[in-house]
Amino acid sequence: MRHRVKQIRRLNHKDPDHRDAVLRNLMTSFFVHKSITTTAKRAKNVAIITDKLVNLVNTKDKMNAIREVARYVFTKESSQELFSNIAPKYSERKSWITRITPIKLRVWDSARLVKVELV
């Protein structure tokens, strides 16, 4: 039985350390490039975490926000991009900061590829 198990967070039964590393890499690339192409399941996770981080940066004081953001991104450039360009632009919004657009099916495994970008 799968009571109270969020299917969106699973990422193909990866162990938690690998899943966190994949999501941190995706978030770092997303904040630097403002859009990424990935699979649909990973894109949903990126959208959830992006909404959470932008709201966190806009509501908490700066030092606590820096500590929290450091848990989700690897590089200093990506966190600076979030604090200086992305979060102030979306200070009025509480959710729906990202747009997920389907692109195509991947050839070798027919995974749904989508493009994740800021609205």
PDB file of N, CA and C in Angstrom:
ATOM      1  N   MET A   1       0.836  -1.184   0.000  1.00  0.00           N
ATOM      2  CA  MET A   1       0.000   0.000   0.000  1.00  0.00           C
ATOM      3  C   MET A   1       0.871   1.234   0.000  1.00  0.00           C
ATOM      4  N   ARG A   2       0.355   2.290  -0.595  1.00  0.00           N
ATOM      5  CA  ARG A   2       1.151   3.507  -0.728  1.00  0.00           C
ATOM      6  C   ARG A   2       0.487   4.667  -0.006  1.00  0.00           C
ATOM      7  N   HIS A   3       0.052   4.449   1.191  1.00  0.00           N
ATOM      8  CA  HIS A   3      -0.616   5.503   1.919  1.00  0.00           C
ATOM      9  C   HIS A   3       0.361   6.625   2.229  1.00  0.00           C
ATOM     10  N   ARG A   4      -0.024   7.839   1.904  1.00  0.00           N
ATOM     11  CA  ARG A   4       0.725   9.055   2.220  1.00  0.00           C
ATOM     12  C   ARG A   4       2.141   9.078   1.649  1.00  0.00           C
ATOM     13  N   VAL A   5       2.366   8.414   0.545  1.00  0.00           N
ATOM     14  CA  VAL A   5       3.656   8.440  -0.122  1.00  0.00           C
ATOM     15  C   VAL A   5       3.524   9.359  -1.326  1.00  0.00           C
ATOM     16  N   LYS A   6       4.307  10.420  -1.349  1.00  0.00           N
ATOM     17  CA  LYS A   6       4.232  11.362  -2.462  1.00  0.00           C
ATOM     18  C   LYS A   6       4.965  10.772  -3.660  1.00  0.00           C
ATOM     19  N   GLN A   7       4.238  10.501  -4.705  1.00  0.00           N
ATOM     20  CA  GLN A   7       4.833   9.887  -5.891  1.00  0.00           C
ATOM     21  C   GLN A   7       5.741  10.864  -6.629  1.00  0.00           C
ATOM     22  N   ILE A   8       5.472  12.142  -6.491  1.00  0.00           N
ATOM     23  CA  ILE A   8       6.234  13.144  -7.217  1.00  0.00           C
ATOM     24  C   ILE A   8       7.674  13.213  -6.734  1.00  0.00           C
ATOM     25  N   ARG A   9       7.922  12.905  -5.489  1.00  0.00           N
ATOM     26  CA  ARG A   9       9.247  13.065  -4.901  1.00  0.00           C
ATOM     27  C   ARG A   9      10.138  11.832  -5.097  1.00  0.00           C
ATOM     28  N   ARG A  10       9.661  10.815  -5.753  1.00  0.00           N
ATOM     29  CA  ARG A  10      10.362   9.551  -5.738  1.00  0.00           C
ATOM     30  C   ARG A  10      11.572   9.499  -6.658  1.00  0.00           C
ATOM     31  N   LEU A  11      11.476  10.017  -7.855  1.00  0.00           N
ATOM     32  CA  LEU A  11      12.554  10.017  -8.847  1.00  0.00           C
ATOM     33  C   LEU A  11      13.095   8.622  -9.124  1.00  0.00           C
ATOM     34  N   ASN A  12      12.226   7.755  -9.557  1.00  0.00           N
ATOM     35  CA  ASN A  12      12.587   6.414 -10.011  1.00  0.00           C
ATOM     36  C   ASN A  12      13.342   5.594  -8.972  1.00  0.00           C
ATOM     37  N   HIS A  13      12.902   5.645  -7.769  1.00  0.00           N
ATOM     38  CA  HIS A  13      13.413   4.811  -6.684  1.00  0.00           C
ATOM     39  C   HIS A  13      14.902   5.010  -6.423  1.00  0.00           C
ATOM     40  N   LYS A  14      15.380   6.220  -6.563  1.00  0.00           N
ATOM     41  CA  LYS A  14      16.774   6.522  -6.220  1.00  0.00           C
ATOM     42  C   LYS A  14      16.908   6.591  -4.703  1.00  0.00           C
ATOM     43  N   ASP A  15      18.111   6.336  -4.228  1.00  0.00           N
ATOM     44  CA  ASP A  15      18.308   6.489  -2.796  1.00  0.00           C
ATOM     45  C   ASP A  15      18.339   7.982  -2.457  1.00  0.00           C
ATOM     46  N   PRO A  16      18.062   8.367  -1.225  1.00  0.00           N
ATOM     47  CA  PRO A  16      17.879   9.779  -0.879  1.00  0.00           C
ATOM     48  C   PRO A  16      19.089  10.667  -1.171  1.00  0.00           C
ATOM     49  N   ASP A  17      20.293  10.157  -0.979  1.00  0.00           N
ATOM     50  CA  ASP A  17      21.468  10.983  -1.246  1.00  0.00           C
ATOM     51  C   ASP A  17      21.606  11.300  -2.732  1.00  0.00           C
ATOM     52  N   HIS A  18      21.365  10.297  -3.557  1.00  0.00           N
ATOM     53  CA  HIS A  18      21.450  10.516  -5.004  1.00  0.00           C
ATOM     54  C   HIS A  18      20.349  11.450  -5.480  1.00  0.00           C
ATOM     55  N   ARG A  19      19.152  11.280  -4.944  1.00  0.00           N
ATOM     56  CA  ARG A  19      18.030  12.143  -5.316  1.00  0.00           C
ATOM     57  C   ARG A  19      18.313  13.589  -4.937  1.00  0.00           C
ATOM     58  N   ASP A  20      18.863  13.806  -3.742  1.00  0.00           N
ATOM     59  CA  ASP A  20      19.182  15.170  -3.318  1.00  0.00           C
ATOM     60  C   ASP A  20      20.267  15.782  -4.191  1.00  0.00           C
ATOM     61  N   ALA A  21      21.260  14.983  -4.582  1.00  0.00           N
ATOM     62  CA  ALA A  21      22.325  15.499  -5.442  1.00  0.00           C
ATOM     63  C   ALA A  21      21.791  15.871  -6.820  1.00  0.00           C
ATOM     64  N   VAL A  22      20.909  15.050  -7.361  1.00  0.00           N
ATOM     65  CA  VAL A  22      20.318  15.350  -8.671  1.00  0.00           C
ATOM     66  C   VAL A  22      19.509  16.643  -8.590  1.00  0.00           C
ATOM     67  N   LEU A  23      18.705  16.798  -7.547  1.00  0.00           N
ATOM     68  CA  LEU A  23      17.889  18.001  -7.414  1.00  0.00           C
ATOM     69  C   LEU A  23      18.746  19.238  -7.181  1.00  0.00           C
ATOM     70  N   ARG A  24      19.822  19.107  -6.419  1.00  0.00           N
ATOM     71  CA  ARG A  24      20.705  20.255  -6.203  1.00  0.00           C
ATOM     72  C   ARG A  24      21.383  20.672  -7.502  1.00  0.00           C
ATOM     73  N   ASN A  25      21.805  19.703  -8.321  1.00  0.00           N
ATOM     74  CA  ASN A  25      22.394  20.029  -9.614  1.00  0.00           C
ATOM     75  C   ASN A  25      21.384  20.719 -10.518  1.00  0.00           C
ATOM     76  N   LEU A  26      20.160  20.222 -10.527  1.00  0.00           N
ATOM     77  CA  LEU A  26      19.115  20.840 -11.345  1.00  0.00           C
ATOM     78  C   LEU A  26      18.809  22.264 -10.882  1.00  0.00           C
ATOM     79  N   MET A  27      18.730  22.466  -9.575  1.00  0.00           N
ATOM     80  CA  MET A  27      18.423  23.798  -9.058  1.00  0.00           C
ATOM     81  C   MET A  27      19.564  24.780  -9.350  1.00  0.00           C
ATOM     82  N   THR A  28      20.800  24.321  -9.232  1.00  0.00           N
ATOM     83  CA  THR A  28      21.942  25.186  -9.528  1.00  0.00           C
ATOM     84  C   THR A  28      21.923  25.611 -10.985  1.00  0.00           C
ATOM     85  N   SER A  29      21.697  24.669 -11.884  1.00  0.00           N
ATOM     86  CA  SER A  29      21.636  24.998 -13.308  1.00  0.00           C
ATOM     87  C   SER A  29      20.440  25.884 -13.631  1.00  0.00           C
ATOM     88  N   PHE A  30      19.330  25.623 -12.962  1.00  0.00           N
ATOM     89  CA  PHE A  30      18.121  26.397 -13.233  1.00  0.00           C
ATOM     90  C   PHE A  30      18.290  27.870 -12.848  1.00  0.00           C
ATOM     91  N   PHE A  31      18.891  28.138 -11.706  1.00  0.00           N
ATOM     92  CA  PHE A  31      19.058  29.526 -11.285  1.00  0.00           C
ATOM     93  C   PHE A  31      20.113  30.251 -12.108  1.00  0.00           C
ATOM     94  N   VAL A  32      21.097  29.536 -12.622  1.00  0.00           N
ATOM     95  CA  VAL A  32      22.123  30.178 -13.447  1.00  0.00           C
ATOM     96  C   VAL A  32      21.580  30.470 -14.848  1.00  0.00           C
ATOM     97  N   HIS A  33      20.913  29.490 -15.470  1.00  0.00           N
ATOM     98  CA  HIS A  33      20.501  29.611 -16.870  1.00  0.00           C
ATOM     99  C   HIS A  33      19.053  30.063 -17.058  1.00  0.00           C
ATOM    100  N   LYS A  34      18.275  30.102 -16.004  1.00  0.00           N
ATOM    101  CA  LYS A  34      16.858  30.507 -16.005  1.00  0.00           C
ATOM    102  C   LYS A  34      15.923  29.538 -16.721  1.00  0.00           C
ATOM    103  N   SER A  35      16.451  28.496 -17.350  1.00  0.00           N
ATOM    104  CA  SER A  35      15.611  27.454 -17.933  1.00  0.00           C
ATOM    105  C   SER A  35      16.462  26.211 -18.145  1.00  0.00           C
ATOM    106  N   ILE A  36      15.834  25.049 -18.009  1.00  0.00           N
ATOM    107  CA  ILE A  36      16.521  23.777 -18.238  1.00  0.00           C
ATOM    108  C   ILE A  36      15.568  22.832 -18.949  1.00  0.00           C
ATOM    109  N   THR A  37      16.138  21.834 -19.614  1.00  0.00           N
ATOM    110  CA  THR A  37      15.361  20.772 -20.233  1.00  0.00           C
ATOM    111  C   THR A  37      15.646  19.488 -19.473  1.00  0.00           C
ATOM    112  N   THR A  38      14.591  18.858 -18.977  1.00  0.00           N
ATOM    113  CA  THR A  38      14.743  17.652 -18.167  1.00  0.00           C
ATOM    114  C   THR A  38      13.480  16.812 -18.296  1.00  0.00           C
ATOM    115  N   THR A  39      13.418  15.717 -17.557  1.00  0.00           N
ATOM    116  CA  THR A  39      12.232  14.866 -17.614  1.00  0.00           C
ATOM    117  C   THR A  39      11.101  15.493 -16.793  1.00  0.00           C
ATOM    118  N   ALA A  40       9.904  15.007 -17.014  1.00  0.00           N
ATOM    119  CA  ALA A  40       8.726  15.607 -16.388  1.00  0.00           C
ATOM    120  C   ALA A  40       8.739  15.459 -14.869  1.00  0.00           C
ATOM    121  N   LYS A  41       9.160  14.304 -14.369  1.00  0.00           N
ATOM    122  CA  LYS A  41       9.143  14.068 -12.931  1.00  0.00           C
ATOM    123  C   LYS A  41      10.151  14.961 -12.214  1.00  0.00           C
ATOM    124  N   ARG A  42      11.328  15.118 -12.812  1.00  0.00           N
ATOM    125  CA  ARG A  42      12.322  16.008 -12.226  1.00  0.00           C
ATOM    126  C   ARG A  42      11.868  17.457 -12.309  1.00  0.00           C
ATOM    127  N   ALA A  43      11.187  17.808 -13.375  1.00  0.00           N
ATOM    128  CA  ALA A  43      10.712  19.180 -13.545  1.00  0.00           C
ATOM    129  C   ALA A  43       9.689  19.555 -12.479  1.00  0.00           C
ATOM    130  N   LYS A  44       8.831  18.617 -12.102  1.00  0.00           N
ATOM    131  CA  LYS A  44       7.855  18.893 -11.054  1.00  0.00           C
ATOM    132  C   LYS A  44       8.548  19.163  -9.726  1.00  0.00           C
ATOM    133  N   ASN A  45       9.593  18.414  -9.447  1.00  0.00           N
ATOM    134  CA  ASN A  45      10.360  18.653  -8.226  1.00  0.00           C
ATOM    135  C   ASN A  45      11.044  20.011  -8.260  1.00  0.00           C
ATOM    136  N   VAL A  46      11.605  20.374  -9.400  1.00  0.00           N
ATOM    137  CA  VAL A  46      12.268  21.678  -9.539  1.00  0.00           C
ATOM    138  C   VAL A  46      11.270  22.806  -9.326  1.00  0.00           C
ATOM    139  N   ALA A  47      10.055  22.664  -9.853  1.00  0.00           N
ATOM    140  CA  ALA A  47       9.039  23.702  -9.690  1.00  0.00           C
ATOM    141  C   ALA A  47       8.645  23.867  -8.224  1.00  0.00           C
ATOM    142  N   ILE A  48       8.506  22.766  -7.510  1.00  0.00           N
ATOM    143  CA  ILE A  48       8.137  22.828  -6.097  1.00  0.00           C
ATOM    144  C   ILE A  48       9.221  23.531  -5.287  1.00  0.00           C
ATOM    145  N   ILE A  49      10.463  23.144  -5.513  1.00  0.00           N
ATOM    146  CA  ILE A  49      11.567  23.715  -4.737  1.00  0.00           C
ATOM    147  C   ILE A  49      11.798  25.177  -5.110  1.00  0.00           C
ATOM    148  N   THR A  50      11.616  25.532  -6.376  1.00  0.00           N
ATOM    149  CA  THR A  50      11.782  26.924  -6.796  1.00  0.00           C
ATOM    150  C   THR A  50      10.769  27.829  -6.112  1.00  0.00           C
ATOM    151  N   ASP A  51       9.508  27.406  -6.082  1.00  0.00           N
ATOM    152  CA  ASP A  51       8.488  28.195  -5.391  1.00  0.00           C
ATOM    153  C   ASP A  51       8.848  28.377  -3.922  1.00  0.00           C
ATOM    154  N   LYS A  52       9.301  27.301  -3.302  1.00  0.00           N
ATOM    155  CA  LYS A  52       9.659  27.355  -1.892  1.00  0.00           C
ATOM    156  C   LYS A  52      10.817  28.320  -1.643  1.00  0.00           C
ATOM    157  N   LEU A  53      11.858  28.251  -2.475  1.00  0.00           N
ATOM    158  CA  LEU A  53      13.037  29.096  -2.269  1.00  0.00           C
ATOM    159  C   LEU A  53      12.755  30.565  -2.531  1.00  0.00           C
ATOM    160  N   VAL A  54      11.987  30.873  -3.555  1.00  0.00           N
ATOM    161  CA  VAL A  54      11.683  32.273  -3.855  1.00  0.00           C
ATOM    162  C   VAL A  54      10.849  32.881  -2.736  1.00  0.00           C
ATOM    163  N   ASN A  55       9.879  32.137  -2.226  1.00  0.00           N
ATOM    164  CA  ASN A  55       9.087  32.639  -1.100  1.00  0.00           C
ATOM    165  C   ASN A  55       9.938  32.792   0.150  1.00  0.00           C
ATOM    166  N   LEU A  56      10.870  31.883   0.343  1.00  0.00           N
ATOM    167  CA  LEU A  56      11.747  31.944   1.506  1.00  0.00           C
ATOM    168  C   LEU A  56      12.644  33.173   1.452  1.00  0.00           C
ATOM    169  N   VAL A  57      13.200  33.457   0.284  1.00  0.00           N
ATOM    170  CA  VAL A  57      14.078  34.622   0.133  1.00  0.00           C
ATOM    171  C   VAL A  57      13.291  35.916   0.333  1.00  0.00           C
ATOM    172  N   ASN A  58      12.052  35.942  -0.109  1.00  0.00           N
ATOM    173  CA  ASN A  58      11.252  37.164   0.000  1.00  0.00           C
ATOM    174  C   ASN A  58      10.680  37.375   1.395  1.00  0.00           C
ATOM    175  N   THR A  59      10.582  36.340   2.228  1.00  0.00           N
ATOM    176  CA  THR A  59       9.950  36.507   3.530  1.00  0.00           C
ATOM    177  C   THR A  59      10.930  36.523   4.695  1.00  0.00           C
ATOM    178  N   LYS A  60      11.958  35.678   4.677  1.00  0.00           N
ATOM    179  CA  LYS A  60      12.873  35.589   5.816  1.00  0.00           C
ATOM    180  C   LYS A  60      13.934  36.682   5.766  1.00  0.00           C
ATOM    181  N   ASP A  61      14.615  36.845   6.902  1.00  0.00           N
ATOM    182  CA  ASP A  61      15.739  37.776   6.903  1.00  0.00           C
ATOM    183  C   ASP A  61      16.887  37.177   6.093  1.00  0.00           C
ATOM    184  N   LYS A  62      17.826  38.016   5.718  1.00  0.00           N
ATOM    185  CA  LYS A  62      18.832  37.650   4.725  1.00  0.00           C
ATOM    186  C   LYS A  62      19.730  36.488   5.169  1.00  0.00           C
ATOM    187  N   MET A  63      20.211  36.498   6.403  1.00  0.00           N
ATOM    188  CA  MET A  63      21.146  35.458   6.828  1.00  0.00           C
ATOM    189  C   MET A  63      20.494  34.081   6.883  1.00  0.00           C
ATOM    190  N   ASN A  64      19.293  33.990   7.405  1.00  0.00           N
ATOM    191  CA  ASN A  64      18.605  32.700   7.446  1.00  0.00           C
ATOM    192  C   ASN A  64      18.258  32.221   6.042  1.00  0.00           C
ATOM    193  N   ALA A  65      17.908  33.152   5.170  1.00  0.00           N
ATOM    194  CA  ALA A  65      17.600  32.776   3.793  1.00  0.00           C
ATOM    195  C   ALA A  65      18.841  32.247   3.081  1.00  0.00           C
ATOM    196  N   ILE A  66      19.996  32.849   3.336  1.00  0.00           N
ATOM    197  CA  ILE A  66      21.241  32.376   2.721  1.00  0.00           C
ATOM    198  C   ILE A  66      21.549  30.953   3.177  1.00  0.00           C
ATOM    199  N   ARG A  67      21.357  30.683   4.441  1.00  0.00           N
ATOM    200  CA  ARG A  67      21.617  29.339   4.959  1.00  0.00           C
ATOM    201  C   ARG A  67      20.665  28.308   4.357  1.00  0.00           C
ATOM    202  N   GLU A  68      19.415  28.662   4.224  1.00  0.00           N
ATOM    203  CA  GLU A  68      18.441  27.737   3.656  1.00  0.00           C
ATOM    204  C   GLU A  68      18.701  27.491   2.169  1.00  0.00           C
ATOM    205  N   VAL A  69      19.045  28.542   1.439  1.00  0.00           N
ATOM    206  CA  VAL A  69      19.305  28.393   0.006  1.00  0.00           C
ATOM    207  C   VAL A  69      20.551  27.556  -0.224  1.00  0.00           C
ATOM    208  N   ALA A  70      21.525  27.638   0.648  1.00  0.00           N
ATOM    209  CA  ALA A  70      22.758  26.868   0.504  1.00  0.00           C
ATOM    210  C   ALA A  70      22.503  25.368   0.585  1.00  0.00           C
ATOM    211  N   ARG A  71      21.393  24.966   1.177  1.00  0.00           N
ATOM    212  CA  ARG A  71      21.039  23.548   1.222  1.00  0.00           C
ATOM    213  C   ARG A  71      20.572  23.032  -0.132  1.00  0.00           C
ATOM    214  N   TYR A  72      20.136  23.935  -1.028  1.00  0.00           N
ATOM    215  CA  TYR A  72      19.539  23.511  -2.286  1.00  0.00           C
ATOM    216  C   TYR A  72      20.369  23.837  -3.518  1.00  0.00           C
ATOM    217  N   VAL A  73      21.395  24.665  -3.412  1.00  0.00           N
ATOM    218  CA  VAL A  73      22.229  24.982  -4.572  1.00  0.00           C
ATOM    219  C   VAL A  73      23.692  24.743  -4.227  1.00  0.00           C
ATOM    220  N   PHE A  74      24.488  24.490  -5.253  1.00  0.00           N
ATOM    221  CA  PHE A  74      25.895  24.190  -5.036  1.00  0.00           C
ATOM    222  C   PHE A  74      26.793  25.419  -5.099  1.00  0.00           C
ATOM    223  N   THR A  75      26.537  26.334  -6.029  1.00  0.00           N
ATOM    224  CA  THR A  75      27.495  27.408  -6.282  1.00  0.00           C
ATOM    225  C   THR A  75      27.024  28.738  -5.722  1.00  0.00           C
ATOM    226  N   LYS A  76      27.986  29.605  -5.506  1.00  0.00           N
ATOM    227  CA  LYS A  76      27.700  30.948  -5.003  1.00  0.00           C
ATOM    228  C   LYS A  76      27.020  31.792  -6.081  1.00  0.00           C
ATOM    229  N   GLU A  77      27.395  31.571  -7.347  1.00  0.00           N
ATOM    230  CA  GLU A  77      26.805  32.339  -8.450  1.00  0.00           C
ATOM    231  C   GLU A  77      25.301  32.108  -8.563  1.00  0.00           C
ATOM    232  N   SER A  78      24.877  30.860  -8.381  1.00  0.00           N
ATOM    233  CA  SER A  78      23.449  30.568  -8.492  1.00  0.00           C
ATOM    234  C   SER A  78      22.663  31.184  -7.340  1.00  0.00           C
ATOM    235  N   SER A  79      23.231  31.175  -6.127  1.00  0.00           N
ATOM    236  CA  SER A  79      22.511  31.790  -5.016  1.00  0.00           C
ATOM    237  C   SER A  79      22.480  33.314  -5.161  1.00  0.00           C
ATOM    238  N   GLN A  80      23.547  33.909  -5.668  1.00  0.00           N
ATOM    239  CA  GLN A  80      23.536  35.352  -5.908  1.00  0.00           C
ATOM    240  C   GLN A  80      22.521  35.724  -6.980  1.00  0.00           C
ATOM    241  N   GLU A  81      22.400  34.882  -7.990  1.00  0.00           N
ATOM    242  CA  GLU A  81      21.405  35.123  -9.043  1.00  0.00           C
ATOM    243  C   GLU A  81      19.996  35.075  -8.467  1.00  0.00           C
ATOM    244  N   LEU A  82      19.756  34.122  -7.577  1.00  0.00           N
ATOM    245  CA  LEU A  82      18.453  34.009  -6.932  1.00  0.00           C
ATOM    246  C   LEU A  82      18.154  35.239  -6.092  1.00  0.00           C
ATOM    247  N   PHE A  83      19.106  35.682  -5.291  1.00  0.00           N
ATOM    248  CA  PHE A  83      18.882  36.811  -4.394  1.00  0.00           C
ATOM    249  C   PHE A  83      18.792  38.142  -5.139  1.00  0.00           C
ATOM    250  N   SER A  84      19.592  38.331  -6.176  1.00  0.00           N
ATOM    251  CA  SER A  84      19.644  39.647  -6.809  1.00  0.00           C
ATOM    252  C   SER A  84      18.647  39.818  -7.951  1.00  0.00           C
ATOM    253  N   ASN A  85      18.417  38.784  -8.757  1.00  0.00           N
ATOM    254  CA  ASN A  85      17.584  38.964  -9.952  1.00  0.00           C
ATOM    255  C   ASN A  85      16.233  38.261  -9.888  1.00  0.00           C
ATOM    256  N   ILE A  86      16.201  37.048  -9.387  1.00  0.00           N
ATOM    257  CA  ILE A  86      14.974  36.252  -9.491  1.00  0.00           C
ATOM    258  C   ILE A  86      13.970  36.583  -8.398  1.00  0.00           C
ATOM    259  N   ALA A  87      14.389  36.534  -7.144  1.00  0.00           N
ATOM    260  CA  ALA A  87      13.448  36.714  -6.029  1.00  0.00           C
ATOM    261  C   ALA A  87      12.800  38.099  -5.992  1.00  0.00           C
ATOM    262  N   PRO A  88      13.519  39.211  -6.210  1.00  0.00           N
ATOM    263  CA  PRO A  88      12.835  40.505  -6.192  1.00  0.00           C
ATOM    264  C   PRO A  88      11.780  40.652  -7.290  1.00  0.00           C
ATOM    265  N   LYS A  89      12.011  39.977  -8.403  1.00  0.00           N
ATOM    266  CA  LYS A  89      11.070  40.058  -9.524  1.00  0.00           C
ATOM    267  C   LYS A  89       9.739  39.386  -9.189  1.00  0.00           C
ATOM    268  N   TYR A  90       9.774  38.360  -8.323  1.00  0.00           N
ATOM    269  CA  TYR A  90       8.575  37.606  -7.970  1.00  0.00           C
ATOM    270  C   TYR A  90       8.167  37.844  -6.522  1.00  0.00           C
ATOM    271  N   SER A  91       8.348  39.031  -6.013  1.00  0.00           N
ATOM    272  CA  SER A  91       8.040  39.292  -4.606  1.00  0.00           C
ATOM    273  C   SER A  91       6.533  39.297  -4.335  1.00  0.00           C
ATOM    274  N   GLU A  92       5.714  39.607  -5.326  1.00  0.00           N
ATOM    275  CA  GLU A  92       4.260  39.622  -5.123  1.00  0.00           C
ATOM    276  C   GLU A  92       3.656  38.233  -5.260  1.00  0.00           C
ATOM    277  N   ARG A  93       4.292  37.354  -6.014  1.00  0.00           N
ATOM    278  CA  ARG A  93       3.747  36.020  -6.252  1.00  0.00           C
ATOM    279  C   ARG A  93       4.095  35.079  -5.118  1.00  0.00           C
ATOM    280  N   LYS A  94       3.174  34.192  -4.799  1.00  0.00           N
ATOM    281  CA  LYS A  94       3.421  33.176  -3.784  1.00  0.00           C
ATOM    282  C   LYS A  94       3.648  31.804  -4.412  1.00  0.00           C
ATOM    283  N   SER A  95       3.158  31.591  -5.619  1.00  0.00           N
ATOM    284  CA  SER A  95       3.325  30.305  -6.283  1.00  0.00           C
ATOM    285  C   SER A  95       3.260  30.512  -7.794  1.00  0.00           C
ATOM    286  N   TRP A  96       3.377  29.427  -8.539  1.00  0.00           N
ATOM    287  CA  TRP A  96       3.353  29.441 -10.003  1.00  0.00           C
ATOM    288  C   TRP A  96       4.429  30.364 -10.568  1.00  0.00           C
ATOM    289  N   ILE A  97       5.641  30.161 -10.122  1.00  0.00           N
ATOM    290  CA  ILE A  97       6.758  30.964 -10.591  1.00  0.00           C
ATOM    291  C   ILE A  97       7.391  30.325 -11.823  1.00  0.00           C
ATOM    292  N   THR A  98       7.239  29.012 -11.970  1.00  0.00           N
ATOM    293  CA  THR A  98       7.834  28.309 -13.099  1.00  0.00           C
ATOM    294  C   THR A  98       6.767  27.857 -14.080  1.00  0.00           C
ATOM    295  N   ARG A  99       7.195  27.669 -15.317  1.00  0.00           N
ATOM    296  CA  ARG A  99       6.323  27.159 -16.370  1.00  0.00           C
ATOM    297  C   ARG A  99       6.957  25.874 -16.886  1.00  0.00           C
ATOM    298  N   ILE A 100       6.170  24.818 -16.993  1.00  0.00           N
ATOM    299  CA  ILE A 100       6.639  23.540 -17.508  1.00  0.00           C
ATOM    300  C   ILE A 100       5.978  23.305 -18.856  1.00  0.00           C
ATOM    301  N   THR A 101       6.800  23.261 -19.915  1.00  0.00           N
ATOM    302  CA  THR A 101       6.297  23.104 -21.271  1.00  0.00           C
ATOM    303  C   THR A 101       6.792  21.778 -21.844  1.00  0.00           C
ATOM    304  N   PRO A 102       5.888  20.883 -22.265  1.00  0.00           N
ATOM    305  CA  PRO A 102       6.340  19.621 -22.851  1.00  0.00           C
ATOM    306  C   PRO A 102       7.018  19.858 -24.198  1.00  0.00           C
ATOM    307  N   ILE A 103       8.092  19.113 -24.442  1.00  0.00           N
ATOM    308  CA  ILE A 103       8.844  19.277 -25.685  1.00  0.00           C
ATOM    309  C   ILE A 103       8.669  18.065 -26.588  1.00  0.00           C
ATOM    310  N   LYS A 104       9.144  16.906 -26.140  1.00  0.00           N
ATOM    311  CA  LYS A 104       9.103  15.699 -26.969  1.00  0.00           C
ATOM    312  C   LYS A 104       9.325  14.481 -26.086  1.00  0.00           C
ATOM    313  N   LEU A 105       9.329  13.324 -26.707  1.00  0.00           N
ATOM    314  CA  LEU A 105       9.693  12.089 -26.032  1.00  0.00           C
ATOM    315  C   LEU A 105      11.149  11.771 -26.366  1.00  0.00           C
ATOM    316  N   ARG A 106      11.904  11.350 -25.365  1.00  0.00           N
ATOM    317  CA  ARG A 106      13.292  10.981 -25.599  1.00  0.00           C
ATOM    318  C   ARG A 106      13.332   9.695 -26.413  1.00  0.00           C
ATOM    319  N   VAL A 107      14.277   9.590 -27.342  1.00  0.00           N
ATOM    320  CA  VAL A 107      14.283   8.504 -28.315  1.00  0.00           C
ATOM    321  C   VAL A 107      14.520   7.146 -27.666  1.00  0.00           C
ATOM    322  N   TRP A 108      15.521   7.009 -26.831  1.00  0.00           N
ATOM    323  CA  TRP A 108      15.925   5.691 -26.387  1.00  0.00           C
ATOM    324  C   TRP A 108      15.104   5.116 -25.253  1.00  0.00           C
ATOM    325  N   ASP A 109      14.370   5.925 -24.495  1.00  0.00           N
ATOM    326  CA  ASP A 109      13.544   5.350 -23.435  1.00  0.00           C
ATOM    327  C   ASP A 109      12.138   5.945 -23.379  1.00  0.00           C
ATOM    328  N   SER A 110      11.798   6.798 -24.311  1.00  0.00           N
ATOM    329  CA  SER A 110      10.465   7.418 -24.415  1.00  0.00           C
ATOM    330  C   SER A 110      10.062   8.183 -23.166  1.00  0.00           C
ATOM    331  N   ALA A 111      11.034   8.766 -22.483  1.00  0.00           N
ATOM    332  CA  ALA A 111      10.728   9.618 -21.337  1.00  0.00           C
ATOM    333  C   ALA A 111      10.229  10.966 -21.849  1.00  0.00           C
ATOM    334  N   ARG A 112       9.284  11.552 -21.124  1.00  0.00           N
ATOM    335  CA  ARG A 112       8.729  12.837 -21.502  1.00  0.00           C
ATOM    336  C   ARG A 112       9.709  13.951 -21.139  1.00  0.00           C
ATOM    337  N   LEU A 113      10.226  14.661 -22.131  1.00  0.00           N
ATOM    338  CA  LEU A 113      11.123  15.778 -21.868  1.00  0.00           C
ATOM    339  C   LEU A 113      10.317  17.075 -21.838  1.00  0.00           C
ATOM    340  N   VAL A 114      10.637  17.907 -20.886  1.00  0.00           N
ATOM    341  CA  VAL A 114       9.935  19.183 -20.739  1.00  0.00           C
ATOM    342  C   VAL A 114      10.968  20.288 -20.534  1.00  0.00           C
ATOM    343  N   LYS A 115      10.533  21.508 -20.785  1.00  0.00           N
ATOM    344  CA  LYS A 115      11.376  22.661 -20.531  1.00  0.00           C
ATOM    345  C   LYS A 115      10.798  23.404 -19.333  1.00  0.00           C
ATOM    346  N   VAL A 116      11.644  23.670 -18.354  1.00  0.00           N
ATOM    347  CA  VAL A 116      11.243  24.387 -17.160  1.00  0.00           C
ATOM    348  C   VAL A 116      11.848  25.783 -17.265  1.00  0.00           C
ATOM    349  N   GLU A 117      11.008  26.803 -17.138  1.00  0.00           N
ATOM    350  CA  GLU A 117      11.491  28.180 -17.239  1.00  0.00           C
ATOM    351  C   GLU A 117      10.728  29.064 -16.275  1.00  0.00           C
ATOM    352  N   LEU A 118      11.286  30.212 -16.003  1.00  0.00           N
ATOM    353  CA  LEU A 118      10.604  31.173 -15.145  1.00  0.00           C
ATOM    354  C   LEU A 118       9.495  31.865 -15.922  1.00  0.00           C
ATOM    355  N   VAL A 119       8.416  32.160 -15.250  1.00  0.00           N
ATOM    356  CA  VAL A 119       7.268  32.798 -15.906  1.00  0.00           C
ATOM    357  C   VAL A 119       7.593  34.247 -16.220  1.00  0.00           C
TER     358      VAL A 119
END
